[in-house]
Amino acid sequence: MNVDCVLRIGDAIDPTCPWSKQPITGETLILHHGHGVGSINPGCRDTIEAA
């Protein structure tokens, strides 16, 4: 992820976590394959980044 990039919850392509299907939080947003993706916690975020 580009550290100069600031993602906001509105940048996520889906308002739910791809793993848990629960609403995402703004603290766990990442840029994944050029898209903003959120998760519900750091564990899910790490799983998404590794995928």
PDB file of N, CA and C in Angstrom:
ATOM      1  N   MET A   1       0.835  -1.184   0.000  1.00  0.00           N
ATOM      2  CA  MET A   1       0.000   0.000   0.000  1.00  0.00           C
ATOM      3  C   MET A   1       0.873   1.237   0.000  1.00  0.00           C
ATOM      4  N   ASN A   2       0.482   2.209  -0.749  1.00  0.00           N
ATOM      5  CA  ASN A   2       1.186   3.471  -0.797  1.00  0.00           C
ATOM      6  C   ASN A   2       0.894   4.238   0.488  1.00  0.00           C
ATOM      7  N   VAL A   3       1.914   4.530   1.263  1.00  0.00           N
ATOM      8  CA  VAL A   3       1.702   5.207   2.545  1.00  0.00           C
ATOM      9  C   VAL A   3       1.201   6.629   2.360  1.00  0.00           C
ATOM     10  N   ASP A   4       1.350   7.201   1.156  1.00  0.00           N
ATOM     11  CA  ASP A   4       0.851   8.540   0.890  1.00  0.00           C
ATOM     12  C   ASP A   4      -0.648   8.532   0.602  1.00  0.00           C
ATOM     13  N   CYS A   5      -1.221   7.374   0.389  1.00  0.00           N
ATOM     14  CA  CYS A   5      -2.631   7.227   0.074  1.00  0.00           C
ATOM     15  C   CYS A   5      -3.442   7.162   1.366  1.00  0.00           C
ATOM     16  N   VAL A   6      -4.414   8.057   1.494  1.00  0.00           N
ATOM     17  CA  VAL A   6      -5.272   8.048   2.665  1.00  0.00           C
ATOM     18  C   VAL A   6      -6.631   7.522   2.227  1.00  0.00           C
ATOM     19  N   LEU A   7      -7.005   6.352   2.736  1.00  0.00           N
ATOM     20  CA  LEU A   7      -8.291   5.758   2.390  1.00  0.00           C
ATOM     21  C   LEU A   7      -9.329   6.126   3.441  1.00  0.00           C
ATOM     22  N   ARG A   8     -10.524   6.360   2.956  1.00  0.00           N
ATOM     23  CA  ARG A   8     -11.651   6.630   3.839  1.00  0.00           C
ATOM     24  C   ARG A   8     -12.679   5.528   3.631  1.00  0.00           C
ATOM     25  N   ILE A   9     -13.546   5.343   4.595  1.00  0.00           N
ATOM     26  CA  ILE A   9     -14.517   4.262   4.526  1.00  0.00           C
ATOM     27  C   ILE A   9     -15.359   4.332   3.239  1.00  0.00           C
ATOM     28  N   GLY A  10     -15.607   5.524   2.741  1.00  0.00           N
ATOM     29  CA  GLY A  10     -16.353   5.686   1.489  1.00  0.00           C
ATOM     30  C   GLY A  10     -15.595   5.224   0.262  1.00  0.00           C
ATOM     31  N   ASP A  11     -14.278   4.994   0.380  1.00  0.00           N
ATOM     32  CA  ASP A  11     -13.469   4.516  -0.738  1.00  0.00           C
ATOM     33  C   ASP A  11     -13.580   3.006  -0.934  1.00  0.00           C
ATOM     34  N   ALA A  12     -14.131   2.309   0.039  1.00  0.00           N
ATOM     35  CA  ALA A  12     -14.235   0.847  -0.043  1.00  0.00           C
ATOM     36  C   ALA A  12     -15.232   0.457  -1.134  1.00  0.00           C
ATOM     37  N   ILE A  13     -14.918  -0.613  -1.859  1.00  0.00           N
ATOM     38  CA  ILE A  13     -15.808  -1.067  -2.925  1.00  0.00           C
ATOM     39  C   ILE A  13     -17.015  -1.818  -2.386  1.00  0.00           C
ATOM     40  N   ASP A  14     -16.975  -2.200  -1.112  1.00  0.00           N
ATOM     41  CA  ASP A  14     -18.073  -2.931  -0.496  1.00  0.00           C
ATOM     42  C   ASP A  14     -18.132  -2.524   0.984  1.00  0.00           C
ATOM     43  N   PRO A  15     -19.315  -2.246   1.521  1.00  0.00           N
ATOM     44  CA  PRO A  15     -19.405  -1.833   2.919  1.00  0.00           C
ATOM     45  C   PRO A  15     -19.282  -2.991   3.912  1.00  0.00           C
ATOM     46  N   THR A  16     -19.107  -4.216   3.402  1.00  0.00           N
ATOM     47  CA  THR A  16     -18.970  -5.366   4.291  1.00  0.00           C
ATOM     48  C   THR A  16     -17.627  -6.057   4.090  1.00  0.00           C
ATOM     49  N   CYS A  17     -17.166  -6.693   5.144  1.00  0.00           N
ATOM     50  CA  CYS A  17     -15.911  -7.446   5.124  1.00  0.00           C
ATOM     51  C   CYS A  17     -16.083  -8.678   4.234  1.00  0.00           C
ATOM     52  N   PRO A  18     -15.144  -8.938   3.317  1.00  0.00           N
ATOM     53  CA  PRO A  18     -15.278 -10.096   2.439  1.00  0.00           C
ATOM     54  C   PRO A  18     -15.238 -11.433   3.184  1.00  0.00           C
ATOM     55  N   TRP A  19     -14.632 -11.456   4.357  1.00  0.00           N
ATOM     56  CA  TRP A  19     -14.540 -12.722   5.106  1.00  0.00           C
ATOM     57  C   TRP A  19     -15.722 -12.904   6.054  1.00  0.00           C
ATOM     58  N   SER A  20     -16.032 -11.884   6.849  1.00  0.00           N
ATOM     59  CA  SER A  20     -17.055 -12.033   7.885  1.00  0.00           C
ATOM     60  C   SER A  20     -18.447 -11.604   7.424  1.00  0.00           C
ATOM     61  N   LYS A  21     -18.505 -10.812   6.368  1.00  0.00           N
ATOM     62  CA  LYS A  21     -19.763 -10.244   5.846  1.00  0.00           C
ATOM     63  C   LYS A  21     -20.390  -9.247   6.822  1.00  0.00           C
ATOM     64  N   GLN A  22     -19.600  -8.747   7.772  1.00  0.00           N
ATOM     65  CA  GLN A  22     -20.064  -7.733   8.711  1.00  0.00           C
ATOM     66  C   GLN A  22     -19.584  -6.358   8.236  1.00  0.00           C
ATOM     67  N   PRO A  23     -20.204  -5.281   8.714  1.00  0.00           N
ATOM     68  CA  PRO A  23     -19.803  -3.932   8.298  1.00  0.00           C
ATOM     69  C   PRO A  23     -18.326  -3.658   8.595  1.00  0.00           C
ATOM     70  N   ILE A  24     -17.672  -2.995   7.659  1.00  0.00           N
ATOM     71  CA  ILE A  24     -16.245  -2.686   7.795  1.00  0.00           C
ATOM     72  C   ILE A  24     -16.029  -1.513   8.741  1.00  0.00           C
ATOM     73  N   THR A  25     -14.781  -1.374   9.178  1.00  0.00           N
ATOM     74  CA  THR A  25     -14.383  -0.224   9.989  1.00  0.00           C
ATOM     75  C   THR A  25     -13.341   0.577   9.221  1.00  0.00           C
ATOM     76  N   GLY A  26     -13.255   1.850   9.504  1.00  0.00           N
ATOM     77  CA  GLY A  26     -12.312   2.720   8.816  1.00  0.00           C
ATOM     78  C   GLY A  26     -10.864   2.469   9.170  1.00  0.00           C
ATOM     79  N   GLU A  27     -10.610   1.823  10.302  1.00  0.00           N
ATOM     80  CA  GLU A  27      -9.235   1.587  10.745  1.00  0.00           C
ATOM     81  C   GLU A  27      -8.547   0.460   9.982  1.00  0.00           C
ATOM     82  N   THR A  28      -9.294  -0.345   9.252  1.00  0.00           N
ATOM     83  CA  THR A  28      -8.701  -1.521   8.607  1.00  0.00           C
ATOM     84  C   THR A  28      -8.793  -1.473   7.093  1.00  0.00           C
ATOM     85  N   LEU A  29      -8.885  -0.292   6.525  1.00  0.00           N
ATOM     86  CA  LEU A  29      -8.945  -0.162   5.072  1.00  0.00           C
ATOM     87  C   LEU A  29      -7.570  -0.372   4.456  1.00  0.00           C
ATOM     88  N   ILE A  30      -7.560  -1.074   3.323  1.00  0.00           N
ATOM     89  CA  ILE A  30      -6.317  -1.286   2.576  1.00  0.00           C
ATOM     90  C   ILE A  30      -6.593  -1.068   1.094  1.00  0.00           C
ATOM     91  N   LEU A  31      -5.552  -0.855   0.342  1.00  0.00           N
ATOM     92  CA  LEU A  31      -5.627  -0.810  -1.104  1.00  0.00           C
ATOM     93  C   LEU A  31      -5.219  -2.185  -1.591  1.00  0.00           C
ATOM     94  N   HIS A  32      -6.150  -2.923  -2.183  1.00  0.00           N
ATOM     95  CA  HIS A  32      -5.919  -4.304  -2.606  1.00  0.00           C
ATOM     96  C   HIS A  32      -6.214  -4.404  -4.096  1.00  0.00           C
ATOM     97  N   HIS A  33      -5.177  -4.661  -4.889  1.00  0.00           N
ATOM     98  CA  HIS A  33      -5.307  -4.740  -6.348  1.00  0.00           C
ATOM     99  C   HIS A  33      -5.968  -3.484  -6.910  1.00  0.00           C
ATOM    100  N   GLY A  34      -5.618  -2.336  -6.353  1.00  0.00           N
ATOM    101  CA  GLY A  34      -6.115  -1.067  -6.850  1.00  0.00           C
ATOM    102  C   GLY A  34      -7.484  -0.653  -6.343  1.00  0.00           C
ATOM    103  N   HIS A  35      -8.054  -1.412  -5.424  1.00  0.00           N
ATOM    104  CA  HIS A  35      -9.383  -1.113  -4.899  1.00  0.00           C
ATOM    105  C   HIS A  35      -9.332  -0.962  -3.380  1.00  0.00           C
ATOM    106  N   GLY A  36     -10.133  -0.053  -2.858  1.00  0.00           N
ATOM    107  CA  GLY A  36     -10.246   0.087  -1.417  1.00  0.00           C
ATOM    108  C   GLY A  36     -11.071  -1.062  -0.859  1.00  0.00           C
ATOM    109  N   VAL A  37     -10.493  -1.782   0.088  1.00  0.00           N
ATOM    110  CA  VAL A  37     -11.168  -2.918   0.706  1.00  0.00           C
ATOM    111  C   VAL A  37     -11.071  -2.758   2.219  1.00  0.00           C
ATOM    112  N   GLY A  38     -12.182  -2.978   2.888  1.00  0.00           N
ATOM    113  CA  GLY A  38     -12.212  -2.868   4.335  1.00  0.00           C
ATOM    114  C   GLY A  38     -12.473  -4.212   4.982  1.00  0.00           C
ATOM    115  N   SER A  39     -12.258  -4.252   6.276  1.00  0.00           N
ATOM    116  CA  SER A  39     -12.523  -5.465   7.041  1.00  0.00           C
ATOM    117  C   SER A  39     -13.005  -5.060   8.427  1.00  0.00           C
ATOM    118  N   ILE A  40     -13.349  -6.058   9.236  1.00  0.00           N
ATOM    119  CA  ILE A  40     -13.863  -5.734  10.567  1.00  0.00           C
ATOM    120  C   ILE A  40     -12.774  -5.665  11.624  1.00  0.00           C
ATOM    121  N   ASN A  41     -11.596  -6.222  11.324  1.00  0.00           N
ATOM    122  CA  ASN A  41     -10.513  -6.209  12.305  1.00  0.00           C
ATOM    123  C   ASN A  41      -9.174  -6.444  11.610  1.00  0.00           C
ATOM    124  N   PRO A  42      -8.064  -6.216  12.301  1.00  0.00           N
ATOM    125  CA  PRO A  42      -6.749  -6.401  11.687  1.00  0.00           C
ATOM    126  C   PRO A  42      -6.494  -7.840  11.198  1.00  0.00           C
ATOM    127  N   GLY A  43      -7.064  -8.839  11.853  1.00  0.00           N
ATOM    128  CA  GLY A  43      -6.865 -10.222  11.411  1.00  0.00           C
ATOM    129  C   GLY A  43      -7.448 -10.459  10.033  1.00  0.00           C
ATOM    130  N   CYS A  44      -8.664  -9.975   9.815  1.00  0.00           N
ATOM    131  CA  CYS A  44      -9.278 -10.095   8.486  1.00  0.00           C
ATOM    132  C   CYS A  44      -8.482  -9.287   7.463  1.00  0.00           C
ATOM    133  N   ARG A  45      -8.040  -8.096   7.847  1.00  0.00           N
ATOM    134  CA  ARG A  45      -7.244  -7.259   6.943  1.00  0.00           C
ATOM    135  C   ARG A  45      -5.992  -7.999   6.492  1.00  0.00           C
ATOM    136  N   ASP A  46      -5.307  -8.640   7.429  1.00  0.00           N
ATOM    137  CA  ASP A  46      -4.090  -9.369   7.094  1.00  0.00           C
ATOM    138  C   ASP A  46      -4.379 -10.542   6.172  1.00  0.00           C
ATOM    139  N   THR A  47      -5.512 -11.211   6.370  1.00  0.00           N
ATOM    140  CA  THR A  47      -5.909 -12.322   5.502  1.00  0.00           C
ATOM    141  C   THR A  47      -6.171 -11.823   4.082  1.00  0.00           C
ATOM    142  N   ILE A  48      -6.839 -10.688   3.969  1.00  0.00           N
ATOM    143  CA  ILE A  48      -7.129 -10.102   2.648  1.00  0.00           C
ATOM    144  C   ILE A  48      -5.832  -9.721   1.962  1.00  0.00           C
ATOM    145  N   GLU A  49      -4.918  -9.084   2.673  1.00  0.00           N
ATOM    146  CA  GLU A  49      -3.639  -8.676   2.082  1.00  0.00           C
ATOM    147  C   GLU A  49      -2.839  -9.887   1.598  1.00  0.00           C
ATOM    148  N   ALA A  50      -2.936 -10.991   2.300  1.00  0.00           N
ATOM    149  CA  ALA A  50      -2.175 -12.188   1.935  1.00  0.00           C
ATOM    150  C   ALA A  50      -2.799 -12.939   0.758  1.00  0.00           C
ATOM    151  N   ALA A  51      -4.076 -12.691   0.500  1.00  0.00           N
ATOM    152  CA  ALA A  51      -4.784 -13.413  -0.581  1.00  0.00           C
ATOM    153  C   ALA A  51      -4.307 -12.989  -1.949  1.00  0.00           C
TER     154      ALA A  51
END
